[in-house]
Amino acid sequence: MDRHIRFDALRNVRDLGGYTTEDGLRVRPRLLYRADGLGKLDRAAPDWDRFLALGIGTVIDLRHGWEVERQGRVPEHPSFTYHNLSIEHRPYDQPALGPEVDPGPYLAERYIEVAEDGAKEIRAALELIRDAAVSGTPLVFHCASGKDRTGELAALVLTLLGVPEPTVVEDFSLTELATPMLLADWRARNGGRTPRWPGYGRAPAAVMRLFLAALRQKYGSVQAYVTDALELDASALAATLRAHLLEPAPAARPPLAFRRAVPADAPLLVRLRDSAALWQLARGIDQWKPGEKDEAHFRTRMREGEVWLAYAGEHLAGAWELWWDDPDAWGPRPADAGYIHRLMTAPHTAPPGTGRRLLAEAESRITATGRPYARLDCLTTNPRLRTYYETAGYTATGEHPTKPNTTGTPYAVTLLEKRLA
């Protein structure tokens, strides 16, 4: 479920494997990684063994030379080669920006500058990625926070592989899961101060969406940019990358297993919900936002109702909450229903059909209590979700135009109900 690989000092190391392409293939896991500054690795710390265990054969450092001198580089080791390719030629000070600066258009404009100024270095980076792919050797590329320069190169590679744009945008925005730690590190380096710019460490989906749109407007497509600006044969490069970095999606998946959540699972549930929220935002679904539900929320739901987890083998595939009343949406009711909330699946890793399996399991739990109805609600502004529940046997029974929200802003929901056998 969690694309981030846990390190003690590194905050934003991720495997780009597992994403599905437009034609149904999958990026091979454990071959292509993106990261924040590897100069934080210490040979004497457990992180160093974790890093070496990835089998990296090539490290691409996208930072300025002065950043490498000031912050250090990855320690030398005979198992990999190191390349410093500074793709950013016009440095800028993000923490010092004013609060009026909108991250979306501002960073997208900087990314276009990098795409043009750093054409020579980006070309060299893509050639290194191609060569590593052909040899089957894992490669990692990184900058300081693993967001901007790293995000731009990741977007180019994923697009050449045929990964759809919403997934490319989502991959960029996953830095949002690391933002609190990136901010904490900045404060620790700067005497406890807070960056002046609220956008520091943030990776809103709009940034990558605007950058890709600007690249298309100027060049026609990412492939045309690679051909015209980088002077590479984009078709040949894409064919080589696809031949060595893609594989068929797995034909068989482990069966789902369910267990009731306990308080220690609260951090895992927060992470799952935030990941699902970023998946939605990357696809223009304005429903969930990262950070809206904290660990206390899930512990409360466990205490006052039930929370369940679904696993496919060792991997978390989804979760849901089960309430025994819901007066905010449905008003006072007899004890005749279970109310399903926060049905969520792990993006890209949950087996097909996981959502329906979760619904069926929740309904069986309600049936076991002797209650004849399953009830839920969805935003009236999300007709696709309403259709999903209706095809699962739910019937819309009305709307609640002003359901209370923890943020203080009420919202409209459609109420759906299913009579259980």
Protein backbone atom coordinates (compact mmCIF):
# COMPACT_ATOMS: atom_id res chain seq x y z
CA MET A 1 0.00 0.00 0.00
CA ASP A 2 2.70 2.48 1.03
CA ARG A 3 5.10 3.34 -1.80
CA HIS A 4 7.49 5.04 0.63
CA ILE A 5 10.39 2.88 1.78
CA ARG A 6 11.13 3.49 5.43
CA PHE A 7 14.48 4.95 6.42
CA ASP A 8 15.48 6.75 9.60
CA ALA A 9 17.09 9.78 7.95
CA LEU A 10 15.60 9.72 4.44
CA ARG A 11 12.02 10.95 4.03
CA ASN A 12 10.93 10.44 0.45
CA VAL A 13 12.35 7.20 -0.99
CA ARG A 14 9.87 5.46 -3.28
CA ASP A 15 9.73 2.55 -5.69
CA LEU A 16 8.23 3.58 -9.04
CA GLY A 17 7.25 -0.03 -9.70
CA GLY A 18 3.66 -1.23 -9.67
CA TYR A 19 2.00 1.51 -11.71
CA THR A 20 -0.20 0.30 -14.57
CA THR A 21 0.25 1.62 -18.11
CA GLU A 22 -2.45 2.63 -20.58
CA ASP A 23 -2.16 -0.77 -22.29
CA GLY A 24 -2.44 -2.80 -19.08
CA LEU A 25 1.21 -3.60 -18.39
CA ARG A 26 2.88 -2.86 -15.06
CA VAL A 27 6.10 -1.06 -14.15
CA ARG A 28 8.43 -3.69 -12.73
CA PRO A 29 9.08 -3.25 -9.00
CA ARG A 30 12.53 -2.87 -7.45
CA LEU A 31 14.26 -1.43 -10.53
CA LEU A 32 13.58 2.32 -10.48
CA TYR A 33 13.63 4.44 -7.34
CA ARG A 34 13.22 8.13 -6.55
CA ALA A 35 14.54 9.70 -3.36
CA ASP A 36 15.44 12.77 -1.35
CA GLY A 37 19.05 13.70 -0.51
CA LEU A 38 21.15 10.57 -0.18
CA GLY A 39 23.90 12.62 1.47
CA LYS A 40 22.02 11.97 4.72
CA LEU A 41 23.08 8.32 4.61
CA ASP A 42 25.67 7.32 7.21
CA ARG A 43 27.82 4.21 6.78
CA ALA A 44 27.57 3.54 10.53
CA ALA A 45 23.74 3.67 10.64
CA PRO A 46 21.19 0.97 9.79
CA ASP A 47 19.98 3.14 6.89
CA TRP A 48 23.16 2.30 4.98
CA ASP A 49 22.43 -1.42 5.06
CA ARG A 50 18.82 -0.72 4.04
CA PHE A 51 20.06 1.28 1.07
CA LEU A 52 22.60 -1.32 -0.06
CA ALA A 53 19.89 -4.00 0.19
CA LEU A 54 18.05 -2.27 -2.69
CA GLY A 55 20.84 -3.45 -5.00
CA ILE A 56 21.32 -0.01 -6.55
CA GLY A 57 23.83 0.02 -9.41
CA THR A 58 23.49 3.68 -10.47
CA VAL A 59 22.88 6.84 -8.43
CA ILE A 60 21.87 10.05 -10.24
CA ASP A 61 22.20 13.16 -8.09
CA LEU A 62 20.21 16.03 -9.64
CA ARG A 63 21.42 18.72 -7.25
CA HIS A 64 23.72 21.69 -7.84
CA GLY A 65 27.40 21.10 -7.18
CA TRP A 66 27.31 23.58 -4.30
CA GLU A 67 24.46 21.58 -2.74
CA VAL A 68 26.56 18.44 -2.92
CA GLU A 69 29.49 20.24 -1.25
CA ARG A 70 27.28 21.73 1.46
CA GLN A 71 25.00 18.76 2.18
CA GLY A 72 27.20 15.84 1.18
CA ARG A 73 26.70 13.05 -1.34
CA VAL A 74 25.89 9.38 -1.05
CA PRO A 75 28.88 7.54 0.47
CA GLU A 76 31.04 5.77 -2.08
CA HIS A 77 30.63 2.01 -2.53
CA PRO A 78 31.87 -0.40 -5.21
CA SER A 79 28.34 -1.66 -5.87
CA PHE A 80 27.19 1.52 -7.65
CA THR A 81 28.37 4.39 -9.81
CA TYR A 82 27.59 8.01 -8.91
CA HIS A 83 26.63 10.76 -11.38
CA ASN A 84 26.00 14.40 -10.49
CA LEU A 85 23.76 15.94 -13.17
CA SER A 86 22.48 19.32 -12.04
CA ILE A 87 19.38 19.82 -14.17
CA GLU A 88 18.40 23.10 -12.47
CA HIS A 89 20.43 26.08 -13.74
CA ARG A 90 18.51 28.92 -12.06
CA PRO A 91 18.31 28.22 -8.31
CA TYR A 92 15.52 29.74 -6.24
CA ASP A 93 14.87 29.90 -2.49
CA GLN A 94 11.54 28.21 -1.79
CA PRO A 95 11.44 28.74 2.00
CA ALA A 96 11.86 32.52 1.52
CA LEU A 97 8.94 32.93 -0.90
CA GLY A 98 6.01 35.01 0.27
CA PRO A 99 2.72 33.45 1.35
CA GLU A 100 0.99 35.03 -1.65
CA VAL A 101 2.86 32.74 -4.08
CA ASP A 102 0.57 30.02 -5.47
CA PRO A 103 2.58 26.75 -5.65
CA GLY A 104 0.79 25.52 -8.77
CA PRO A 105 1.70 28.09 -11.42
CA TYR A 106 4.92 29.16 -9.71
CA LEU A 107 6.51 25.70 -9.53
CA ALA A 108 5.16 24.68 -12.95
CA GLU A 109 6.97 27.70 -14.43
CA ARG A 110 10.19 26.70 -12.65
CA TYR A 111 9.83 23.15 -14.00
CA ILE A 112 9.58 24.47 -17.57
CA GLU A 113 12.78 26.45 -16.97
CA VAL A 114 14.48 23.27 -15.77
CA ALA A 115 13.18 21.31 -18.77
CA GLU A 116 14.81 23.82 -21.11
CA ASP A 117 17.91 24.94 -19.18
CA GLY A 118 18.81 21.41 -18.13
CA ALA A 119 18.18 19.67 -21.45
CA LYS A 120 21.75 18.35 -21.65
CA GLU A 121 21.67 16.91 -18.13
CA ILE A 122 18.13 15.52 -18.47
CA ARG A 123 19.21 13.77 -21.66
CA ALA A 124 22.17 12.23 -19.85
CA ALA A 125 19.91 11.13 -16.98
CA LEU A 126 17.46 9.44 -19.36
CA GLU A 127 20.34 7.67 -21.10
CA LEU A 128 21.59 6.37 -17.74
CA ILE A 129 18.09 5.15 -16.88
CA ARG A 130 17.88 3.43 -20.27
CA ASP A 131 21.25 1.72 -19.81
CA ALA A 132 20.36 0.57 -16.28
CA ALA A 133 17.05 -0.80 -17.55
CA VAL A 134 18.78 -2.77 -20.30
CA SER A 135 21.20 -4.26 -17.78
CA GLY A 136 18.41 -5.01 -15.29
CA THR A 137 20.25 -3.06 -12.59
CA PRO A 138 18.29 -0.96 -10.08
CA LEU A 139 18.78 2.82 -10.32
CA VAL A 140 17.87 5.72 -8.04
CA PHE A 141 17.67 9.42 -8.87
CA HIS A 142 17.32 12.13 -6.26
CA CYS A 143 17.57 15.82 -5.42
CA ALA A 144 17.27 17.49 -2.00
CA SER A 145 13.67 16.79 -0.96
CA GLY A 146 12.85 14.30 -3.72
CA LYS A 147 10.04 16.51 -4.99
CA ASP A 148 10.79 19.06 -7.72
CA ARG A 149 13.76 17.97 -9.84
CA THR A 150 13.16 14.35 -8.92
CA GLY A 151 9.43 14.71 -9.62
CA GLU A 152 10.08 16.22 -13.03
CA LEU A 153 12.39 13.40 -14.12
CA ALA A 154 9.97 10.79 -12.72
CA ALA A 155 7.14 12.34 -14.74
CA LEU A 156 9.17 12.14 -17.97
CA VAL A 157 10.10 8.50 -17.40
CA LEU A 158 6.61 7.38 -16.38
CA THR A 159 5.07 9.15 -19.38
CA LEU A 160 7.54 7.50 -21.76
CA LEU A 161 6.57 4.15 -20.21
CA GLY A 162 2.91 4.83 -21.02
CA VAL A 163 1.66 5.47 -17.49
CA PRO A 164 -1.51 7.63 -17.72
CA GLU A 165 -1.25 11.28 -16.74
CA PRO A 166 -3.49 11.07 -13.62
CA THR A 167 -1.12 8.45 -12.20
CA VAL A 168 1.91 10.58 -13.08
CA VAL A 169 0.27 13.48 -11.23
CA GLU A 170 -0.53 11.22 -8.29
CA ASP A 171 3.04 9.95 -8.09
CA PHE A 172 4.24 13.55 -7.84
CA SER A 173 1.72 14.39 -5.13
CA LEU A 174 2.75 11.47 -2.90
CA THR A 175 5.48 13.73 -1.52
CA GLU A 176 2.59 15.22 0.49
CA LEU A 177 2.85 12.15 2.74
CA ALA A 178 6.43 13.14 3.54
CA THR A 179 5.80 16.89 3.91
CA PRO A 180 5.52 16.91 7.74
CA MET A 181 8.93 15.23 8.06
CA LEU A 182 10.52 17.47 5.41
CA LEU A 183 9.23 20.49 7.32
CA ALA A 184 10.50 19.13 10.63
CA ASP A 185 13.94 18.60 9.11
CA TRP A 186 14.01 22.17 7.77
CA ARG A 187 13.07 23.57 11.17
CA ALA A 188 15.77 21.47 12.83
CA ARG A 189 18.37 22.88 10.42
CA ASN A 190 17.13 26.45 10.90
CA GLY A 191 16.88 26.96 14.62
CA GLY A 192 13.25 25.96 14.93
CA ARG A 193 11.99 28.60 12.49
CA THR A 194 9.14 27.90 10.07
CA PRO A 195 9.57 28.55 6.32
CA ARG A 196 7.95 31.82 5.24
CA TRP A 197 6.32 30.06 2.29
CA PRO A 198 3.38 27.79 3.26
CA GLY A 199 4.04 25.81 0.07
CA TYR A 200 7.45 24.59 1.21
CA GLY A 201 7.64 20.80 1.05
CA ARG A 202 4.18 20.60 -0.52
CA ALA A 203 3.42 18.78 -3.78
CA PRO A 204 -0.13 19.71 -4.83
CA ALA A 205 -1.43 17.89 -7.89
CA ALA A 206 -1.92 21.21 -9.71
CA VAL A 207 1.86 21.68 -10.01
CA MET A 208 2.45 18.59 -12.14
CA ARG A 209 -0.82 19.01 -14.02
CA LEU A 210 0.15 22.57 -15.04
CA PHE A 211 3.71 21.57 -15.92
CA LEU A 212 2.59 18.77 -18.24
CA ALA A 213 0.02 21.07 -19.85
CA ALA A 214 2.71 23.73 -20.43
CA LEU A 215 5.07 21.14 -21.90
CA ARG A 216 2.34 19.98 -24.28
CA GLN A 217 1.51 23.55 -25.24
CA LYS A 218 5.12 24.31 -26.10
CA TYR A 219 6.21 21.02 -27.68
CA GLY A 220 3.01 19.11 -28.42
CA SER A 221 3.77 16.17 -26.11
CA VAL A 222 6.36 14.79 -23.73
CA GLN A 223 7.66 12.62 -26.57
CA ALA A 224 8.06 15.67 -28.80
CA TYR A 225 9.95 17.45 -26.01
CA VAL A 226 12.34 14.50 -25.74
CA THR A 227 12.86 14.53 -29.51
CA ASP A 228 13.10 18.28 -30.11
CA ALA A 229 14.66 19.67 -26.92
CA LEU A 230 16.73 16.68 -25.75
CA GLU A 231 17.61 15.51 -29.27
CA LEU A 232 16.85 11.90 -28.41
CA ASP A 233 14.84 9.43 -30.49
CA ALA A 234 11.79 9.39 -28.22
CA SER A 235 10.20 6.39 -29.92
CA ALA A 236 13.35 4.28 -29.60
CA LEU A 237 13.91 5.42 -25.99
CA ALA A 238 10.33 4.62 -25.02
CA ALA A 239 10.50 1.22 -26.72
CA THR A 240 13.70 0.32 -24.84
CA LEU A 241 12.34 1.48 -21.50
CA ARG A 242 9.09 -0.38 -22.04
CA ALA A 243 10.87 -3.56 -23.11
CA HIS A 244 12.95 -3.70 -19.92
CA LEU A 245 10.89 -1.88 -17.26
CA LEU A 246 7.40 -3.24 -17.94
CA GLU A 247 5.85 -6.63 -17.26
CA PRO A 248 2.39 -8.18 -17.50
CA ALA A 249 0.12 -7.49 -14.56
CA PRO A 250 -0.05 -10.49 -12.19
CA ALA A 251 -2.66 -13.00 -13.32
CA ALA A 252 -3.41 -14.27 -9.82
CA ARG A 253 -3.78 -12.33 -6.59
CA PRO A 254 -3.88 -13.65 -3.02
CA PRO A 255 -7.39 -13.98 -1.57
CA LEU A 256 -8.46 -11.21 0.78
CA ALA A 257 -8.28 -11.80 4.51
CA PHE A 258 -10.05 -9.57 7.03
CA ARG A 259 -9.31 -8.59 10.59
CA ARG A 260 -10.74 -6.07 12.99
CA ALA A 261 -8.51 -3.04 13.55
CA VAL A 262 -6.97 -2.27 16.94
CA PRO A 263 -5.73 1.12 18.21
CA ALA A 264 -2.17 0.38 17.09
CA ASP A 265 -3.47 0.31 13.50
CA ALA A 266 -4.49 3.99 13.58
CA PRO A 267 -1.32 5.31 11.85
CA LEU A 268 -1.76 2.74 9.08
CA LEU A 269 -5.37 3.84 8.56
CA VAL A 270 -4.38 7.51 8.38
CA ARG A 271 -1.75 6.65 5.76
CA LEU A 272 -4.24 4.61 3.72
CA ARG A 273 -6.84 7.38 3.76
CA ASP A 274 -4.32 10.06 2.83
CA SER A 275 -3.06 7.91 -0.06
CA ALA A 276 -6.62 7.43 -1.28
CA ALA A 277 -7.22 11.18 -0.98
CA LEU A 278 -4.20 11.93 -3.17
CA TRP A 279 -5.43 9.36 -5.72
CA GLN A 280 -8.75 11.22 -5.87
CA LEU A 281 -7.24 14.70 -6.16
CA ALA A 282 -4.94 13.60 -9.00
CA ARG A 283 -8.07 12.61 -10.93
CA GLY A 284 -9.99 15.80 -10.23
CA ILE A 285 -12.25 14.25 -7.57
CA ASP A 286 -12.71 16.94 -4.93
CA GLN A 287 -13.85 14.79 -2.01
CA TRP A 288 -11.18 13.71 0.48
CA LYS A 289 -8.17 15.81 1.49
CA PRO A 290 -4.97 14.51 3.12
CA GLY A 291 -4.80 15.23 6.83
CA GLU A 292 -8.56 15.45 7.41
CA LYS A 293 -8.72 12.33 9.59
CA ASP A 294 -6.10 11.79 12.26
CA GLU A 295 -5.26 8.81 14.44
CA ALA A 296 -7.70 9.97 17.12
CA HIS A 297 -10.55 9.74 14.62
CA PHE A 298 -9.89 6.09 13.87
CA ARG A 299 -9.40 5.19 17.52
CA THR A 300 -12.76 6.81 18.28
CA ARG A 301 -14.44 4.82 15.51
CA MET A 302 -12.91 1.62 16.92
CA ARG A 303 -14.24 2.47 20.36
CA GLU A 304 -17.74 3.52 19.26
CA GLY A 305 -18.16 1.07 16.38
CA GLU A 306 -15.87 -1.14 14.33
CA VAL A 307 -13.02 -0.63 11.87
CA TRP A 308 -11.90 -3.46 9.61
CA LEU A 309 -8.78 -4.09 7.54
CA ALA A 310 -8.43 -6.22 4.42
CA TYR A 311 -5.14 -7.84 3.41
CA ALA A 312 -4.02 -9.47 0.16
CA GLY A 313 -1.23 -11.66 1.41
CA GLU A 314 1.04 -9.42 3.52
CA HIS A 315 -0.15 -6.20 1.90
CA LEU A 316 -2.95 -3.95 3.11
CA ALA A 317 -5.63 -3.83 0.42
CA GLY A 318 -8.33 -1.71 2.04
CA ALA A 319 -10.37 -0.81 5.08
CA TRP A 320 -13.75 0.48 6.19
CA GLU A 321 -15.59 1.81 9.22
CA LEU A 322 -18.83 0.34 10.55
CA TRP A 323 -21.10 2.53 12.68
CA TRP A 324 -24.22 1.44 14.54
CA ASP A 325 -25.94 4.79 14.20
CA ASP A 326 -25.46 7.92 12.10
CA PRO A 327 -27.79 10.69 13.27
CA ASP A 328 -25.90 13.45 11.44
CA ALA A 329 -26.85 11.98 8.07
CA TRP A 330 -29.88 9.81 8.78
CA GLY A 331 -31.41 11.38 11.89
CA PRO A 332 -32.69 9.32 14.84
CA ARG A 333 -33.41 5.74 13.78
CA PRO A 334 -34.16 2.43 15.46
CA ALA A 335 -31.28 -0.04 15.69
CA ASP A 336 -32.08 -1.58 12.31
CA ALA A 337 -28.94 -0.88 10.28
CA GLY A 338 -25.19 -0.71 10.10
CA TYR A 339 -23.67 2.38 8.52
CA ILE A 340 -20.66 1.92 6.27
CA HIS A 341 -18.15 4.76 6.16
CA ARG A 342 -14.72 5.42 4.67
CA LEU A 343 -14.67 2.41 2.37
CA MET A 344 -11.17 2.70 0.93
CA THR A 345 -8.85 0.57 -1.14
CA ALA A 346 -5.07 0.81 -1.54
CA PRO A 347 -4.30 2.60 -4.83
CA HIS A 348 -2.58 0.44 -7.48
CA THR A 349 -1.97 -2.54 -5.18
CA ALA A 350 -5.44 -3.75 -4.18
CA PRO A 351 -6.65 -6.71 -6.28
CA PRO A 352 -9.41 -5.95 -8.80
CA GLY A 353 -12.83 -6.04 -7.20
CA THR A 354 -11.54 -5.26 -3.70
CA GLY A 355 -14.13 -2.52 -3.13
CA ARG A 356 -17.03 -4.91 -3.77
CA ARG A 357 -15.44 -7.52 -1.50
CA LEU A 358 -15.14 -4.96 1.28
CA LEU A 359 -18.80 -3.98 0.85
CA ALA A 360 -19.91 -7.61 0.97
CA GLU A 361 -17.84 -8.28 4.09
CA ALA A 362 -19.26 -5.20 5.81
CA GLU A 363 -22.78 -6.29 4.91
CA SER A 364 -22.16 -9.78 6.31
CA ARG A 365 -21.00 -8.23 9.56
CA ILE A 366 -24.21 -6.18 9.73
CA THR A 367 -26.29 -9.27 8.97
CA ALA A 368 -24.56 -11.16 11.79
CA THR A 369 -25.94 -8.60 14.26
CA GLY A 370 -29.51 -9.19 13.06
CA ARG A 371 -29.92 -5.74 11.51
CA PRO A 372 -31.76 -5.83 8.17
CA TYR A 373 -30.25 -2.77 6.46
CA ALA A 374 -26.88 -1.48 5.29
CA ARG A 375 -26.74 2.27 4.86
CA LEU A 376 -24.16 4.72 3.56
CA ASP A 377 -23.93 8.14 1.98
CA CYS A 378 -21.83 9.79 -0.73
CA LEU A 379 -21.34 13.34 -1.93
CA THR A 380 -24.10 14.47 -4.27
CA THR A 381 -21.33 15.95 -6.43
CA ASN A 382 -19.87 12.48 -7.07
CA PRO A 383 -22.36 10.72 -9.38
CA ARG A 384 -19.83 8.04 -10.34
CA LEU A 385 -19.61 6.90 -6.73
CA ARG A 386 -23.39 6.87 -6.42
CA THR A 387 -23.58 4.68 -9.54
CA TYR A 388 -20.97 2.35 -8.07
CA TYR A 389 -23.09 1.78 -4.96
CA GLU A 390 -26.31 1.45 -6.97
CA THR A 391 -24.77 -1.32 -9.08
CA ALA A 392 -23.89 -3.04 -5.78
CA GLY A 393 -27.57 -3.13 -4.85
CA TYR A 394 -28.02 0.15 -2.97
CA THR A 395 -31.00 2.43 -3.57
CA ALA A 396 -30.98 6.19 -3.13
CA THR A 397 -33.58 7.13 -0.52
CA GLY A 398 -33.06 10.89 -0.43
CA GLU A 399 -30.56 13.66 0.11
CA HIS A 400 -29.27 15.50 3.13
CA PRO A 401 -28.28 18.99 1.89
CA THR A 402 -26.42 20.10 5.03
CA LYS A 403 -24.62 17.18 6.64
CA PRO A 404 -22.29 18.55 9.37
CA ASN A 405 -18.57 18.49 8.75
CA THR A 406 -15.70 18.51 11.24
CA THR A 407 -14.34 21.57 9.39
CA GLY A 408 -17.53 23.46 10.16
CA THR A 409 -18.70 23.58 6.54
CA PRO A 410 -21.81 21.43 5.88
CA TYR A 411 -22.06 19.50 2.64
CA ALA A 412 -24.75 17.69 0.62
CA VAL A 413 -24.89 13.90 0.52
CA THR A 414 -27.04 11.29 -1.18
CA LEU A 415 -28.40 8.66 1.23
CA LEU A 416 -28.30 5.04 0.01
CA GLU A 417 -29.75 1.92 1.59
CA LYS A 418 -29.69 -1.82 0.91
CA ARG A 419 -32.02 -4.44 2.33
CA LEU A 420 -29.91 -7.40 3.42
CA ALA A 421 -30.97 -10.98 2.95
